């Protein structure tokens, strides 16, 4: 890996750390403002920030005309689907226990991304990839169950809960749509100096804002909520998305995606700290399983793959 590629790969690691804080803010914003209002504000503000940066630096717009036309509608649709499903699903779950289950489902996107590299990017992987992905998934489950590690019947009950099932299904939509977006961005853009995330974010903000006008949402604004909007739009949505696209296009995509398996662990730790909950042995055990699964999955791809 070249030094330049290594720099952009580090951008991916930074993005992963930022995204580890996102679940709590998505939950509080969607319940305080309403899913569509929160998503519209975060994406519109963040999108304006991205476009302003692009216009000032000229970065990400030089090769727009060289980008395949299919990139704009396909990745644009996936981005809008991802961001709307993310906020709506968080607003739909009934309690904190269900939120943890939903976060677990949402964080399957790194695993889906690895799988989709095979049909979309023509990566070559051995059948043992299934074992590595499964081990990572087990690590996520172990970490997310926390002190309820051995209460599997209750976990299954949460998954199959009739009240929360629509939210859980949307959680799968979140994971699959973002994994497809990640792979298609790599396929269509490659190393071109083009990035449509700002346009996608502004478009998402406008579309979801129109929907919010006709939705019955609480809209409980406060100084604290405004601060969360600023963080979610500028740091989580704007800066993180820009860094992620740079990492995917110019860094080692495979390494970045594999490292993103740590997102559930980071999110769990952040949630524990914010709620004053002790970090338990299952979380530590889950971390080791995710690391093992990540290492295993990486070895399942042939050398000379995504770079």
Protein backbone atom coordinates (compact mmCIF):
# COMPACT_ATOMS: atom_id res chain seq x y z
CA UNK A 1 0.00 0.00 0.00
CA UNK A 2 1.42 3.40 -1.00
CA UNK A 3 1.78 6.24 1.51
CA UNK A 4 -0.97 8.16 -0.29
CA UNK A 5 -3.32 5.19 -0.15
CA UNK A 6 -2.46 4.71 3.53
CA UNK A 7 -3.44 8.32 4.27
CA UNK A 8 -6.88 7.86 2.74
CA UNK A 9 -7.29 4.55 4.53
CA UNK A 10 -6.70 6.39 7.83
CA UNK A 11 -9.51 8.75 6.81
CA UNK A 12 -11.73 5.68 6.79
CA UNK A 13 -10.67 4.79 10.33
CA UNK A 14 -11.49 8.33 11.51
CA UNK A 15 -14.91 8.05 9.89
CA UNK A 16 -15.56 4.81 11.74
CA UNK A 17 -14.82 6.51 15.08
CA UNK A 18 -17.19 9.36 14.26
CA UNK A 19 -19.96 7.03 13.14
CA UNK A 20 -19.60 5.12 16.40
CA UNK A 21 -21.28 8.09 18.11
CA UNK A 22 -24.13 8.42 15.61
CA UNK A 23 -26.75 5.98 16.96
CA UNK A 24 -27.47 7.89 20.16
CA UNK A 25 -27.93 11.18 18.28
CA UNK A 26 -30.09 9.58 15.60
CA UNK A 27 -32.36 8.22 18.32
CA UNK A 28 -32.65 11.45 20.34
CA UNK A 29 -33.14 13.68 17.29
CA UNK A 30 -35.75 11.44 15.68
CA UNK A 31 -37.78 11.14 18.88
CA UNK A 32 -37.50 14.85 19.75
CA UNK A 33 -38.09 16.35 16.30
CA UNK A 34 -39.60 13.53 14.31
CA UNK A 35 -37.79 11.22 11.90
CA UNK A 36 -38.36 13.22 8.71
CA UNK A 37 -37.72 16.63 10.30
CA UNK A 38 -34.47 15.43 11.90
CA UNK A 39 -33.22 13.70 8.75
CA UNK A 40 -34.14 16.71 6.58
CA UNK A 41 -32.32 19.23 8.79
CA UNK A 42 -29.21 17.10 9.29
CA UNK A 43 -28.85 16.26 5.60
CA UNK A 44 -29.66 19.72 4.24
CA UNK A 45 -27.25 21.54 6.57
CA UNK A 46 -24.57 18.92 6.08
CA UNK A 47 -25.07 18.95 2.30
CA UNK A 48 -24.68 22.72 2.10
CA UNK A 49 -21.46 22.42 4.09
CA UNK A 50 -20.12 19.77 1.70
CA UNK A 51 -21.02 21.78 -1.43
CA UNK A 52 -19.48 24.92 0.10
CA UNK A 53 -16.27 23.03 0.76
CA UNK A 54 -16.24 21.65 -2.78
CA UNK A 55 -16.79 25.09 -4.33
CA UNK A 56 -13.99 26.64 -2.25
CA UNK A 57 -11.43 23.88 -2.80
CA UNK A 58 -12.51 22.56 -6.20
CA UNK A 59 -12.16 19.06 -4.77
CA UNK A 60 -14.73 16.46 -5.76
CA UNK A 61 -16.17 18.39 -8.72
CA UNK A 62 -13.41 18.38 -11.37
CA UNK A 63 -14.44 15.07 -12.93
CA UNK A 64 -18.22 15.27 -12.58
CA UNK A 65 -18.63 15.14 -16.36
CA UNK A 66 -16.51 11.97 -16.51
CA UNK A 67 -18.72 10.08 -14.10
CA UNK A 68 -21.07 7.49 -15.66
CA UNK A 69 -24.62 8.81 -15.79
CA UNK A 70 -25.90 5.76 -13.96
CA UNK A 71 -23.97 6.85 -10.85
CA UNK A 72 -26.27 9.79 -10.09
CA UNK A 73 -29.69 8.08 -10.00
CA UNK A 74 -28.48 4.76 -8.56
CA UNK A 75 -26.27 6.07 -5.73
CA UNK A 76 -28.62 9.02 -5.16
CA UNK A 77 -31.58 6.71 -4.63
CA UNK A 78 -29.57 4.47 -2.31
CA UNK A 79 -28.38 7.46 -0.25
CA UNK A 80 -31.91 8.83 0.21
CA UNK A 81 -33.18 5.35 1.07
CA UNK A 82 -30.38 4.87 3.60
CA UNK A 83 -30.75 8.19 5.44
CA UNK A 84 -34.57 8.14 5.58
CA UNK A 85 -34.69 4.51 6.75
CA UNK A 86 -32.04 5.26 9.37
CA UNK A 87 -34.07 7.95 11.11
CA UNK A 88 -37.50 6.39 10.60
CA UNK A 89 -36.41 3.02 12.01
CA UNK A 90 -34.88 4.66 15.11
CA UNK A 91 -38.10 6.56 15.71
CA UNK A 92 -40.26 3.42 15.35
CA UNK A 93 -38.74 1.21 18.06
CA UNK A 94 -40.62 1.22 21.35
CA UNK A 95 -37.87 1.05 23.98
CA UNK A 96 -34.12 1.10 24.63
CA UNK A 97 -33.86 -2.69 24.51
CA UNK A 98 -35.30 -2.63 21.01
CA UNK A 99 -32.88 0.17 20.06
CA UNK A 100 -29.94 -2.09 20.91
CA UNK A 101 -31.38 -4.83 18.71
CA UNK A 102 -31.95 -2.35 15.88
CA UNK A 103 -28.38 -1.04 16.12
CA UNK A 104 -27.16 -4.62 15.88
CA UNK A 105 -29.09 -5.10 12.63
CA UNK A 106 -27.98 -1.75 11.19
CA UNK A 107 -24.35 -2.61 11.83
CA UNK A 108 -24.54 -5.60 9.52
CA UNK A 109 -23.66 -3.21 6.67
CA UNK A 110 -19.89 -3.92 6.80
CA UNK A 111 -20.63 -7.62 6.33
CA UNK A 112 -23.02 -6.93 3.46
CA UNK A 113 -20.42 -4.62 1.90
CA UNK A 114 -17.83 -7.39 1.92
CA UNK A 115 -20.27 -9.80 0.34
CA UNK A 116 -21.32 -7.35 -2.39
CA UNK A 117 -17.70 -6.73 -3.44
CA UNK A 118 -17.83 -10.14 -5.09
CA UNK A 119 -20.69 -9.51 -7.60
CA UNK A 120 -20.20 -5.75 -8.00
CA UNK A 121 -16.43 -5.29 -7.93
CA UNK A 122 -15.61 -8.84 -9.10
CA UNK A 123 -13.47 -9.53 -6.06
CA UNK A 124 -12.37 -13.12 -5.59
CA UNK A 125 -13.08 -14.71 -2.24
CA UNK A 126 -12.85 -18.24 -0.96
CA UNK A 127 -15.93 -20.01 0.45
CA UNK A 128 -14.35 -19.58 3.89
CA UNK A 129 -15.51 -15.95 3.76
CA UNK A 130 -18.81 -17.22 5.11
CA UNK A 131 -17.02 -18.43 8.24
CA UNK A 132 -15.25 -15.09 8.76
CA UNK A 133 -18.44 -13.10 8.25
CA UNK A 134 -20.31 -15.43 10.59
CA UNK A 135 -17.67 -15.07 13.29
CA UNK A 136 -17.85 -11.27 13.02
CA UNK A 137 -21.62 -11.44 13.27
CA UNK A 138 -21.37 -13.64 16.37
CA UNK A 139 -19.03 -11.05 17.89
CA UNK A 140 -21.56 -8.32 17.21
CA UNK A 141 -24.33 -10.39 18.81
CA UNK A 142 -22.21 -11.20 21.87
CA UNK A 143 -21.24 -7.54 22.39
CA UNK A 144 -24.73 -6.22 21.84
CA UNK A 145 -26.40 -8.72 24.17
CA UNK A 146 -24.23 -7.43 27.03
CA UNK A 147 -25.34 -8.84 30.37
CA UNK A 148 -28.14 -10.68 28.57
CA UNK A 149 -25.60 -12.87 26.76
CA UNK A 150 -27.20 -16.10 27.90
CA UNK A 151 -30.78 -14.86 27.64
CA UNK A 152 -31.16 -15.95 24.01
CA UNK A 153 -34.92 -16.61 24.21
CA UNK A 154 -35.45 -12.97 25.18
CA UNK A 155 -33.22 -11.85 22.29
CA UNK A 156 -35.22 -13.95 19.82
CA UNK A 157 -38.41 -12.51 21.32
CA UNK A 158 -37.12 -8.99 20.66
CA UNK A 159 -36.25 -9.86 17.05
CA UNK A 160 -39.67 -11.33 16.36
CA UNK A 161 -41.66 -8.72 18.27
CA UNK A 162 -44.70 -7.78 16.22
CA UNK A 163 -44.53 -4.15 17.36
CA UNK A 164 -40.88 -3.65 16.41
CA UNK A 165 -40.68 -5.90 13.35
CA UNK A 166 -41.23 -3.03 10.82
CA UNK A 167 -38.36 -1.10 12.43
CA UNK A 168 -36.11 -4.16 12.31
CA UNK A 169 -36.91 -4.71 8.64
CA UNK A 170 -36.00 -1.08 7.98
CA UNK A 171 -32.77 -1.76 9.85
CA UNK A 172 -31.91 -4.33 7.20
CA UNK A 173 -32.78 -1.75 4.53
CA UNK A 174 -30.29 0.64 6.17
CA UNK A 175 -27.52 -1.97 6.18
CA UNK A 176 -28.08 -3.20 2.62
CA UNK A 177 -28.61 0.23 1.03
CA UNK A 178 -25.38 1.63 2.50
CA UNK A 179 -23.35 -1.42 1.52
CA UNK A 180 -24.64 -1.14 -2.05
CA UNK A 181 -23.90 2.60 -2.07
CA UNK A 182 -20.34 1.94 -0.91
CA UNK A 183 -19.63 -0.62 -3.62
CA UNK A 184 -21.31 1.31 -6.44
CA UNK A 185 -19.39 4.47 -5.49
CA UNK A 186 -16.17 2.51 -5.86
CA UNK A 187 -17.33 0.98 -9.15
CA UNK A 188 -18.54 4.18 -10.83
CA UNK A 189 -16.10 6.75 -9.42
CA UNK A 190 -12.88 4.83 -8.81
CA UNK A 191 -10.11 7.43 -8.39
CA UNK A 192 -11.90 10.22 -10.29
CA UNK A 193 -12.06 13.61 -8.59
CA UNK A 194 -15.83 13.49 -8.27
CA UNK A 195 -18.08 13.21 -5.24
CA UNK A 196 -21.86 13.55 -5.35
CA UNK A 197 -22.51 13.19 -1.62
CA UNK A 198 -23.21 16.93 -1.18
CA UNK A 199 -25.87 16.86 -3.89
CA UNK A 200 -27.34 13.68 -2.44
CA UNK A 201 -27.53 15.21 1.03
CA UNK A 202 -29.20 18.43 -0.12
CA UNK A 203 -31.60 16.42 -2.27
CA UNK A 204 -32.40 14.16 0.69
CA UNK A 205 -32.98 17.20 2.90
CA UNK A 206 -35.41 18.77 0.43
CA UNK A 207 -37.36 15.57 -0.25
CA UNK A 208 -37.58 14.58 3.42
CA UNK A 209 -38.38 18.17 4.40
CA UNK A 210 -41.38 18.16 2.07
CA UNK A 211 -42.54 14.90 3.63
CA UNK A 212 -42.07 16.41 7.11
CA UNK A 213 -44.47 19.23 6.24
CA UNK A 214 -47.28 16.71 5.92
CA UNK A 215 -46.20 14.45 8.80
CA UNK A 216 -47.42 14.78 12.38
CA UNK A 217 -44.09 15.19 14.17
CA UNK A 218 -43.30 16.68 17.63
CA UNK A 219 -40.71 19.30 16.58
CA UNK A 220 -39.45 19.84 20.14
CA UNK A 221 -36.51 22.19 19.56
CA UNK A 222 -34.15 23.21 22.38
CA UNK A 223 -30.54 24.47 22.67
CA UNK A 224 -29.39 20.92 23.33
CA UNK A 225 -31.23 19.58 20.29
CA UNK A 226 -29.78 22.38 18.13
CA UNK A 227 -26.28 21.40 19.29
CA UNK A 228 -26.98 17.79 18.37
CA UNK A 229 -28.20 18.87 14.94
CA UNK A 230 -24.96 20.79 14.42
CA UNK A 231 -22.86 17.78 15.42
CA UNK A 232 -24.89 15.32 13.37
CA UNK A 233 -24.94 17.50 10.24
CA UNK A 234 -21.39 18.90 10.25
CA UNK A 235 -19.36 16.12 11.88
CA UNK A 236 -21.29 12.85 11.52
CA UNK A 237 -22.97 13.53 8.18
CA UNK A 238 -20.75 16.08 6.40
CA UNK A 239 -17.17 15.46 7.48
CA UNK A 240 -17.63 11.71 7.95
CA UNK A 241 -19.27 11.16 4.54
CA UNK A 242 -16.55 13.14 2.75
CA UNK A 243 -13.81 11.18 4.53
CA UNK A 244 -15.59 7.89 3.84
CA UNK A 245 -15.89 8.53 0.11
CA UNK A 246 -12.20 9.49 -0.05
CA UNK A 247 -11.27 6.31 1.80
CA UNK A 248 -13.42 4.15 -0.47
CA UNK A 249 -12.19 5.74 -3.71
CA UNK A 250 -8.51 6.23 -2.94
CA UNK A 251 -7.70 4.14 0.11
CA UNK A 252 -7.66 0.39 0.67
CA UNK A 253 -11.40 -0.24 0.59
CA UNK A 254 -11.11 -3.80 1.84
CA UNK A 255 -9.12 -2.82 4.93
CA UNK A 256 -11.48 0.07 5.70
CA UNK A 257 -14.59 -2.08 5.37
CA UNK A 258 -13.08 -4.82 7.49
CA UNK A 259 -12.11 -2.28 10.16
CA UNK A 260 -15.68 -0.99 10.14
CA UNK A 261 -16.65 -4.27 11.81
CA UNK A 262 -15.56 -2.51 15.01
CA UNK A 263 -18.45 -0.04 14.70
CA UNK A 264 -20.81 -2.10 16.90
CA UNK A 265 -18.14 -2.27 19.60
CA UNK A 266 -17.43 1.46 19.42
CA UNK A 267 -21.13 2.25 19.51
CA UNK A 268 -21.65 -0.03 22.49
CA UNK A 269 -18.78 1.57 24.40
CA UNK A 270 -20.05 5.08 23.65
CA UNK A 271 -23.57 4.17 24.73
CA UNK A 272 -22.26 2.57 27.93
CA UNK A 273 -20.24 5.69 28.77
CA UNK A 274 -23.14 8.05 28.07
CA UNK A 275 -25.55 5.97 30.18
CA UNK A 276 -23.02 5.23 32.94
CA UNK A 277 -23.16 1.50 32.28
CA UNK A 278 -20.13 -0.72 32.96
CA UNK A 279 -18.34 -2.28 30.00
CA UNK A 280 -19.01 -5.97 30.50
CA UNK A 281 -17.13 -9.18 29.77
CA UNK A 282 -19.48 -9.99 26.85
CA UNK A 283 -18.45 -6.70 25.22
CA UNK A 284 -14.78 -7.59 25.61
CA UNK A 285 -15.41 -11.12 24.31
CA UNK A 286 -17.40 -9.73 21.40
CA UNK A 287 -14.50 -7.44 20.52
CA UNK A 288 -12.11 -10.39 20.28
CA UNK A 289 -14.57 -12.31 18.09
CA UNK A 290 -14.97 -9.34 15.75
CA UNK A 291 -11.19 -8.98 15.44
CA UNK A 292 -10.88 -12.69 14.70
CA UNK A 293 -13.67 -12.55 12.14
CA UNK A 294 -12.14 -9.48 10.49
CA UNK A 295 -8.74 -11.15 10.19
CA UNK A 296 -10.34 -14.34 8.86
CA UNK A 297 -12.43 -12.46 6.27
CA UNK A 298 -9.43 -10.49 5.03
CA UNK A 299 -7.53 -13.70 4.32
CA UNK A 300 -10.44 -14.96 2.23
CA UNK A 301 -9.74 -12.40 -0.51
CA UNK A 302 -6.97 -12.97 -3.03
CA UNK A 303 -3.95 -10.74 -3.00
CA UNK A 304 -4.06 -7.79 -5.36
CA UNK A 305 -7.70 -7.04 -4.67
CA UNK A 306 -9.21 -3.71 -3.79
CA UNK A 307 -6.59 -1.03 -3.28
